[in-house]
Amino acid sequence: METKRILDECLAYDLKNSKILKVLKKEPDLHECSKVLREHYQTIRNVFTLFASREISSETNYGVSSLTSMNFGREFGYISKKLPDALY
């Protein structure tokens, strides 16, 4: 079972290795984003694990492909359906 400490460490690692640091340059914005992500991080990890167990990404040989991520984001409104695929 994932403890709060482990989830906090995983989130910190994921943030450090994501592109979010290029987008959110101000510390208050990053802190607020981290806070919101932490509230939902267990669910995010569960969804990732579910998707990763159903496919193999040709990009990395594990995990979730960018196409699956994009489709998921569009399906649930995180990514605008109006934006062309070329932007991803």
N, C-alpha and C. Protein backbone atom coordinates (compact mmCIF):
# COMPACT_ATOMS: atom_id res chain seq x y z
N MET A 1 0.84 -1.19 0.00
CA MET A 1 0.00 0.00 0.00
C MET A 1 0.89 1.25 0.00
N GLU A 2 0.50 2.20 -0.79
CA GLU A 2 1.26 3.44 -0.90
C GLU A 2 0.91 4.37 0.27
N THR A 3 1.91 4.76 1.01
CA THR A 3 1.69 5.66 2.14
C THR A 3 1.71 7.11 1.65
N LYS A 4 1.29 8.00 2.53
CA LYS A 4 1.30 9.43 2.20
C LYS A 4 2.71 9.88 1.86
N ARG A 5 3.70 9.42 2.62
CA ARG A 5 5.08 9.81 2.37
C ARG A 5 5.55 9.34 1.00
N ILE A 6 5.23 8.11 0.65
CA ILE A 6 5.63 7.59 -0.66
C ILE A 6 4.96 8.37 -1.78
N LEU A 7 3.66 8.66 -1.63
CA LEU A 7 2.96 9.44 -2.65
C LEU A 7 3.55 10.84 -2.78
N ASP A 8 3.91 11.45 -1.66
CA ASP A 8 4.53 12.78 -1.71
C ASP A 8 5.86 12.72 -2.46
N GLU A 9 6.65 11.68 -2.20
CA GLU A 9 7.93 11.52 -2.89
C GLU A 9 7.73 11.27 -4.38
N CYS A 10 6.74 10.46 -4.73
CA CYS A 10 6.44 10.17 -6.14
C CYS A 10 6.00 11.44 -6.87
N LEU A 11 5.14 12.22 -6.23
CA LEU A 11 4.67 13.47 -6.84
C LEU A 11 5.85 14.41 -7.05
N ALA A 12 6.71 14.55 -6.06
CA ALA A 12 7.88 15.43 -6.19
C ALA A 12 8.76 14.97 -7.34
N TYR A 13 8.96 13.67 -7.47
CA TYR A 13 9.77 13.12 -8.56
C TYR A 13 9.10 13.38 -9.91
N ASP A 14 7.80 13.13 -9.99
CA ASP A 14 7.08 13.35 -11.24
C ASP A 14 7.11 14.81 -11.66
N LEU A 15 6.94 15.71 -10.71
CA LEU A 15 6.98 17.14 -11.03
C LEU A 15 8.37 17.54 -11.51
N LYS A 16 9.39 17.04 -10.85
CA LYS A 16 10.77 17.38 -11.22
C LYS A 16 11.10 16.92 -12.64
N ASN A 17 10.49 15.81 -13.05
CA ASN A 17 10.78 15.23 -14.36
C ASN A 17 9.72 15.54 -15.42
N SER A 18 8.81 16.44 -15.09
CA SER A 18 7.76 16.80 -16.05
C SER A 18 8.09 18.14 -16.71
N LYS A 19 7.24 18.52 -17.62
CA LYS A 19 7.41 19.80 -18.31
C LYS A 19 6.75 20.95 -17.54
N ILE A 20 6.13 20.63 -16.42
CA ILE A 20 5.40 21.66 -15.67
C ILE A 20 6.32 22.77 -15.20
N LEU A 21 7.58 22.46 -14.92
CA LEU A 21 8.51 23.48 -14.45
C LEU A 21 8.83 24.50 -15.54
N LYS A 22 8.62 24.13 -16.79
CA LYS A 22 8.83 25.06 -17.90
C LYS A 22 7.63 25.98 -18.07
N VAL A 23 6.47 25.53 -17.60
CA VAL A 23 5.24 26.29 -17.76
C VAL A 23 4.99 27.20 -16.56
N LEU A 24 5.14 26.64 -15.38
CA LEU A 24 4.90 27.40 -14.15
C LEU A 24 6.24 27.87 -13.59
N LYS A 25 6.56 29.09 -13.84
CA LYS A 25 7.87 29.63 -13.45
C LYS A 25 7.85 30.28 -12.07
N LYS A 26 6.68 30.71 -11.62
CA LYS A 26 6.58 31.39 -10.32
C LYS A 26 6.28 30.37 -9.23
N GLU A 27 7.01 30.48 -8.14
CA GLU A 27 6.87 29.53 -7.03
C GLU A 27 5.44 29.43 -6.49
N PRO A 28 4.70 30.54 -6.33
CA PRO A 28 3.31 30.40 -5.84
C PRO A 28 2.44 29.56 -6.79
N ASP A 29 2.65 29.71 -8.10
CA ASP A 29 1.87 28.94 -9.07
C ASP A 29 2.22 27.45 -8.97
N LEU A 30 3.49 27.16 -8.87
CA LEU A 30 3.94 25.76 -8.75
C LEU A 30 3.42 25.14 -7.46
N HIS A 31 3.47 25.90 -6.39
CA HIS A 31 2.97 25.41 -5.10
C HIS A 31 1.48 25.09 -5.19
N GLU A 32 0.70 26.00 -5.79
CA GLU A 32 -0.74 25.78 -5.92
C GLU A 32 -1.04 24.57 -6.81
N CYS A 33 -0.30 24.45 -7.90
CA CYS A 33 -0.47 23.30 -8.79
C CYS A 33 -0.14 22.00 -8.06
N SER A 34 0.95 21.99 -7.31
CA SER A 34 1.36 20.81 -6.55
C SER A 34 0.30 20.42 -5.53
N LYS A 35 -0.27 21.44 -4.91
CA LYS A 35 -1.31 21.20 -3.90
C LYS A 35 -2.53 20.52 -4.52
N VAL A 36 -2.96 21.01 -5.67
CA VAL A 36 -4.12 20.43 -6.35
C VAL A 36 -3.79 19.01 -6.84
N LEU A 37 -2.61 18.85 -7.42
CA LEU A 37 -2.22 17.51 -7.89
C LEU A 37 -2.15 16.53 -6.73
N ARG A 38 -1.64 16.97 -5.59
CA ARG A 38 -1.50 16.08 -4.44
C ARG A 38 -2.86 15.60 -3.96
N GLU A 39 -3.86 16.48 -4.01
CA GLU A 39 -5.21 16.09 -3.59
C GLU A 39 -5.75 14.94 -4.43
N HIS A 40 -5.33 14.87 -5.69
CA HIS A 40 -5.85 13.87 -6.62
C HIS A 40 -4.80 12.85 -7.05
N TYR A 41 -3.64 12.88 -6.42
CA TYR A 41 -2.51 12.09 -6.91
C TYR A 41 -2.76 10.58 -6.84
N GLN A 42 -3.41 10.11 -5.79
CA GLN A 42 -3.69 8.67 -5.71
C GLN A 42 -4.56 8.23 -6.88
N THR A 43 -5.56 9.02 -7.23
CA THR A 43 -6.42 8.70 -8.37
C THR A 43 -5.63 8.76 -9.67
N ILE A 44 -4.78 9.77 -9.81
CA ILE A 44 -3.95 9.88 -11.01
C ILE A 44 -3.06 8.65 -11.15
N ARG A 45 -2.45 8.22 -10.07
CA ARG A 45 -1.60 7.02 -10.09
C ARG A 45 -2.41 5.77 -10.45
N ASN A 46 -3.61 5.68 -9.91
CA ASN A 46 -4.46 4.52 -10.20
C ASN A 46 -4.84 4.47 -11.69
N VAL A 47 -5.19 5.62 -12.25
CA VAL A 47 -5.55 5.69 -13.67
C VAL A 47 -4.33 5.34 -14.53
N PHE A 48 -3.16 5.89 -14.19
CA PHE A 48 -1.94 5.57 -14.93
C PHE A 48 -1.66 4.07 -14.87
N THR A 49 -1.77 3.48 -13.69
CA THR A 49 -1.51 2.05 -13.54
C THR A 49 -2.48 1.22 -14.38
N LEU A 50 -3.74 1.63 -14.40
CA LEU A 50 -4.74 0.93 -15.22
C LEU A 50 -4.38 1.00 -16.69
N PHE A 51 -4.09 2.20 -17.20
CA PHE A 51 -3.74 2.35 -18.60
C PHE A 51 -2.43 1.63 -18.93
N ALA A 52 -1.46 1.73 -18.05
CA ALA A 52 -0.16 1.10 -18.30
C ALA A 52 -0.28 -0.41 -18.32
N SER A 53 -1.24 -0.96 -17.61
CA SER A 53 -1.41 -2.41 -17.60
C SER A 53 -2.11 -2.93 -18.85
N ARG A 54 -2.68 -2.03 -19.64
CA ARG A 54 -3.44 -2.44 -20.82
C ARG A 54 -2.71 -2.23 -22.13
N GLU A 55 -1.56 -1.58 -22.11
CA GLU A 55 -0.86 -1.32 -23.36
C GLU A 55 0.63 -1.16 -23.11
N ILE A 56 1.38 -1.21 -24.16
CA ILE A 56 2.81 -0.92 -24.11
C ILE A 56 3.05 0.27 -25.02
N SER A 57 3.66 1.29 -24.48
CA SER A 57 3.96 2.48 -25.27
C SER A 57 5.13 2.19 -26.20
N SER A 58 4.95 2.44 -27.48
CA SER A 58 6.05 2.24 -28.43
C SER A 58 7.14 3.29 -28.23
N GLU A 59 6.80 4.37 -27.53
CA GLU A 59 7.76 5.44 -27.29
C GLU A 59 8.77 5.05 -26.22
N THR A 60 8.32 4.32 -25.20
CA THR A 60 9.18 4.01 -24.06
C THR A 60 9.24 2.53 -23.72
N ASN A 61 8.44 1.72 -24.36
CA ASN A 61 8.30 0.28 -24.09
C ASN A 61 7.63 -0.02 -22.76
N TYR A 62 7.12 0.96 -22.09
CA TYR A 62 6.31 0.78 -20.90
C TYR A 62 5.46 2.03 -20.72
N GLY A 63 4.50 1.95 -19.85
CA GLY A 63 3.71 3.14 -19.54
C GLY A 63 2.58 3.39 -20.52
N VAL A 64 2.17 4.63 -20.57
CA VAL A 64 1.02 5.04 -21.35
C VAL A 64 1.50 5.87 -22.53
N SER A 65 1.01 5.55 -23.72
CA SER A 65 1.42 6.29 -24.91
C SER A 65 0.85 7.70 -24.89
N SER A 66 1.48 8.58 -25.63
CA SER A 66 1.00 9.96 -25.69
C SER A 66 -0.38 10.02 -26.34
N LEU A 67 -0.67 9.12 -27.28
CA LEU A 67 -1.99 9.10 -27.91
C LEU A 67 -3.07 8.75 -26.89
N THR A 68 -2.80 7.74 -26.07
CA THR A 68 -3.76 7.37 -25.03
C THR A 68 -3.95 8.51 -24.05
N SER A 69 -2.86 9.17 -23.66
CA SER A 69 -2.94 10.30 -22.74
C SER A 69 -3.77 11.43 -23.34
N MET A 70 -3.52 11.72 -24.61
CA MET A 70 -4.25 12.79 -25.28
C MET A 70 -5.74 12.45 -25.38
N ASN A 71 -6.05 11.23 -25.76
CA ASN A 71 -7.45 10.83 -25.86
C ASN A 71 -8.15 10.90 -24.51
N PHE A 72 -7.45 10.47 -23.46
CA PHE A 72 -8.01 10.55 -22.11
C PHE A 72 -8.27 12.00 -21.73
N GLY A 73 -7.30 12.86 -22.00
CA GLY A 73 -7.45 14.28 -21.68
C GLY A 73 -8.60 14.92 -22.42
N ARG A 74 -8.76 14.57 -23.66
CA ARG A 74 -9.89 15.11 -24.44
C ARG A 74 -11.22 14.57 -23.94
N GLU A 75 -11.24 13.29 -23.64
CA GLU A 75 -12.47 12.64 -23.18
C GLU A 75 -13.01 13.31 -21.91
N PHE A 76 -12.11 13.65 -21.00
CA PHE A 76 -12.53 14.20 -19.72
C PHE A 76 -12.38 15.71 -19.63
N GLY A 77 -12.09 16.36 -20.76
CA GLY A 77 -12.10 17.81 -20.82
C GLY A 77 -10.83 18.50 -20.36
N TYR A 78 -9.75 17.75 -20.14
CA TYR A 78 -8.48 18.37 -19.74
C TYR A 78 -7.77 18.99 -20.93
N ILE A 79 -8.05 18.47 -22.11
CA ILE A 79 -7.45 18.98 -23.34
C ILE A 79 -8.59 19.36 -24.27
N SER A 80 -8.53 20.52 -24.86
CA SER A 80 -9.59 21.00 -25.73
C SER A 80 -9.71 20.10 -26.96
N LYS A 81 -10.91 19.75 -27.31
CA LYS A 81 -11.17 18.96 -28.51
C LYS A 81 -11.01 19.81 -29.77
N LYS A 82 -10.91 21.13 -29.60
CA LYS A 82 -10.78 22.04 -30.73
C LYS A 82 -9.35 22.15 -31.23
N LEU A 83 -8.37 21.79 -30.38
CA LEU A 83 -6.98 21.92 -30.77
C LEU A 83 -6.57 20.78 -31.70
N PRO A 84 -5.81 21.07 -32.73
CA PRO A 84 -5.39 20.01 -33.65
C PRO A 84 -4.37 19.07 -32.99
N ASP A 85 -4.34 17.83 -33.43
CA ASP A 85 -3.42 16.82 -32.90
C ASP A 85 -1.97 17.26 -33.02
N ALA A 86 -1.64 18.05 -34.03
CA ALA A 86 -0.26 18.45 -34.27
C ALA A 86 0.35 19.24 -33.13
N LEU A 87 -0.50 19.80 -32.26
CA LEU A 87 0.02 20.58 -31.13
C LEU A 87 0.56 19.69 -30.02
N TYR A 88 0.30 18.42 -30.08
CA TYR A 88 0.71 17.53 -29.00
C TYR A 88 1.93 16.81 -29.39
